[in-house]
Amino acid sequence: MKTNHETTVGVAMTALLIGLLACFGTGTAEAKQPTDASPLLGTWVSTKTDGGLAEIVITDVSGNFEVHPYGSCSPTFCDWGIHPPLRFSNSIGSSTAIGLQLTINFKFATRYMQGRIITNSLGQKLLEITTQTRFLDQRNDYQLTENFKLK
């Protein structure tokens, strides 16, 4: 049999839970991505000439934000396809995107790409991309960070 104290505590906890649910509501929260992607848009070319990515084309046409990376292959670049990335700002209150993230699935590997706008020591605006490659065979997984400038 419950004591008066146990019953009072149980009622208080139930009231607290109902109060919390009322404050947060029962609807689901929806993530909000930054709407202004203009700092990321354009054709970005690698600042180096060997390996990794050669070029990244970032577009936003009628709200369709897309990233189209090209690998450094010869005689022409390897087309990594068009992908819809997530966008990120530099603060919770900002609607201007300065970063992105996407996942690319190949038959032989999965590539995770994260990018952000940086400023180098000369004051030049660059897009820094880190690509992590997870192979589906016996090769070693690796990470590569590269810089790109607007074409």
Protein backbone atom coordinates (compact mmCIF):
# COMPACT_ATOMS: atom_id res chain seq x y z
CA MET A 1 0.00 0.00 0.00
CA LYS A 2 1.33 3.45 -0.94
CA THR A 3 1.86 6.06 1.71
CA ASN A 4 0.47 9.58 1.39
CA HIS A 5 4.00 10.82 0.66
CA GLU A 6 4.46 8.32 -2.22
CA THR A 7 1.08 9.27 -3.68
CA THR A 8 1.87 13.00 -3.41
CA VAL A 9 5.26 12.51 -5.12
CA GLY A 10 3.63 10.44 -7.88
CA VAL A 11 0.97 13.10 -8.52
CA ALA A 12 3.61 15.85 -8.53
CA MET A 13 5.78 13.97 -11.05
CA THR A 14 2.77 13.36 -13.31
CA ALA A 15 1.85 17.06 -13.16
CA LEU A 16 5.44 18.02 -13.99
CA LEU A 17 5.49 15.70 -16.99
CA ILE A 18 2.17 17.06 -18.28
CA GLY A 19 3.48 20.61 -17.83
CA LEU A 20 6.64 19.85 -19.77
CA LEU A 21 4.70 18.27 -22.62
CA ALA A 22 2.40 21.31 -22.75
CA CYS A 23 5.40 23.65 -22.96
CA PHE A 24 7.07 21.73 -25.76
CA GLY A 25 3.88 20.82 -27.58
CA THR A 26 3.10 17.54 -29.23
CA GLY A 27 4.05 18.59 -32.77
CA THR A 28 7.31 17.55 -34.30
CA ALA A 29 10.08 20.11 -34.69
CA GLU A 30 11.45 20.66 -38.18
CA ALA A 31 15.10 21.46 -38.81
CA LYS A 32 15.67 24.85 -40.42
CA GLN A 33 18.57 25.28 -42.82
CA PRO A 34 19.99 28.69 -43.74
CA THR A 35 18.12 30.08 -46.76
CA ASP A 36 20.83 32.37 -48.19
CA ALA A 37 23.40 30.13 -49.86
CA SER A 38 25.04 32.93 -51.89
CA PRO A 39 28.48 32.74 -50.16
CA LEU A 40 28.81 29.11 -51.31
CA LEU A 41 27.55 29.48 -54.89
CA GLY A 42 29.82 29.29 -57.91
CA THR A 43 32.42 27.14 -59.58
CA TRP A 44 35.26 26.42 -57.16
CA VAL A 45 38.59 25.12 -58.51
CA SER A 46 41.32 23.39 -56.54
CA THR A 47 44.28 25.49 -55.44
CA LYS A 48 46.58 22.51 -56.14
CA THR A 49 47.11 20.46 -59.28
CA ASP A 50 47.35 16.86 -58.11
CA GLY A 51 44.89 14.31 -56.77
CA GLY A 52 41.69 14.65 -54.80
CA LEU A 53 38.99 16.96 -56.09
CA ALA A 54 39.58 19.24 -59.07
CA GLU A 55 36.40 21.32 -59.14
CA ILE A 56 33.13 21.79 -57.27
CA VAL A 57 30.11 23.49 -58.81
CA ILE A 58 27.56 24.76 -56.27
CA THR A 59 24.18 26.02 -57.49
CA ASP A 60 20.85 27.12 -56.06
CA VAL A 61 18.16 27.18 -58.72
CA SER A 62 14.65 27.94 -57.46
CA GLY A 63 15.53 26.68 -54.00
CA ASN A 64 17.25 23.49 -55.22
CA PHE A 65 20.67 23.73 -53.59
CA GLU A 66 23.07 21.28 -55.26
CA VAL A 67 26.74 20.34 -55.18
CA HIS A 68 28.46 18.80 -58.23
CA PRO A 69 32.02 17.65 -57.41
CA TYR A 70 34.56 16.50 -59.99
CA GLY A 71 37.57 14.33 -59.13
CA SER A 72 41.09 14.83 -60.53
CA CYS A 73 41.13 12.24 -63.30
CA SER A 74 42.92 12.35 -66.64
CA PRO A 75 42.32 13.18 -69.43
CA THR A 76 39.00 14.59 -68.13
CA PHE A 77 37.66 15.11 -64.59
CA CYS A 78 35.69 12.27 -62.92
CA ASP A 79 32.05 13.27 -62.49
CA TRP A 80 30.93 12.51 -58.92
CA GLY A 81 27.29 13.40 -59.70
CA ILE A 82 24.93 16.07 -58.40
CA HIS A 83 23.97 15.93 -54.72
CA PRO A 84 21.63 17.87 -52.40
CA PRO A 85 23.75 18.86 -49.37
CA LEU A 86 22.78 20.18 -45.97
CA ARG A 87 23.61 23.86 -45.38
CA PHE A 88 25.01 25.40 -42.18
CA SER A 89 25.41 28.99 -40.94
CA ASN A 90 27.92 30.33 -38.43
CA SER A 91 25.29 30.85 -35.71
CA ILE A 92 21.82 29.75 -34.71
CA GLY A 93 20.40 33.18 -35.62
CA SER A 94 22.00 33.48 -39.06
CA SER A 95 20.19 32.58 -42.29
CA THR A 96 23.40 32.81 -44.38
CA ALA A 97 25.03 29.49 -45.24
CA ILE A 98 28.81 29.28 -44.87
CA GLY A 99 29.12 25.48 -44.73
CA LEU A 100 27.76 22.30 -46.25
CA GLN A 101 27.73 18.54 -45.76
CA LEU A 102 26.87 15.68 -48.10
CA THR A 103 27.32 11.96 -48.54
CA ILE A 104 28.18 10.33 -51.86
CA ASN A 105 27.67 6.59 -52.33
CA PHE A 106 29.81 4.86 -54.94
CA LYS A 107 29.89 1.11 -55.66
CA PHE A 108 33.40 0.90 -54.16
CA ALA A 109 33.23 3.50 -51.35
CA THR A 110 31.20 6.06 -49.44
CA ARG A 111 32.50 9.63 -49.36
CA TYR A 112 31.54 12.12 -46.67
CA MET A 113 32.19 15.74 -47.65
CA GLN A 114 32.12 18.76 -45.39
CA GLY A 115 32.93 22.25 -46.58
CA ARG A 116 33.14 25.74 -45.15
CA ILE A 117 34.10 29.22 -46.26
CA ILE A 118 37.47 30.32 -44.86
CA THR A 119 39.74 33.33 -45.33
CA ASN A 120 43.43 32.65 -45.93
CA SER A 121 46.35 34.73 -44.64
CA LEU A 122 46.17 36.95 -47.76
CA GLY A 123 42.49 37.75 -47.14
CA GLN A 124 41.30 35.53 -50.00
CA LYS A 125 37.94 33.76 -49.60
CA LEU A 126 38.34 29.99 -50.06
CA LEU A 127 36.13 26.94 -49.79
CA GLU A 128 37.80 24.35 -47.56
CA ILE A 129 36.54 20.82 -48.27
CA THR A 130 37.32 17.78 -46.13
CA THR A 131 36.50 14.46 -47.77
CA GLN A 132 36.52 11.23 -45.81
CA THR A 133 36.52 8.07 -47.92
CA ARG A 134 35.29 4.78 -46.47
CA PHE A 135 36.14 1.91 -48.82
CA LEU A 136 33.98 -1.20 -49.14
CA ASP A 137 37.00 -3.41 -49.86
CA GLN A 138 40.41 -3.95 -48.23
CA ARG A 139 41.85 -0.46 -48.92
CA ASN A 140 42.60 1.88 -46.03
CA ASP A 141 40.02 4.57 -45.36
CA TYR A 142 41.43 8.10 -45.54
CA GLN A 143 40.72 11.80 -45.11
CA LEU A 144 41.79 14.66 -47.37
CA THR A 145 41.37 18.41 -46.78
CA GLU A 146 41.67 20.71 -49.81
CA ASN A 147 41.13 24.39 -50.60
CA PHE A 148 39.25 25.84 -53.57
CA LYS A 149 38.98 29.33 -55.04
CA LEU A 150 36.20 30.80 -57.14
CA LYS A 151 36.78 30.41 -60.88
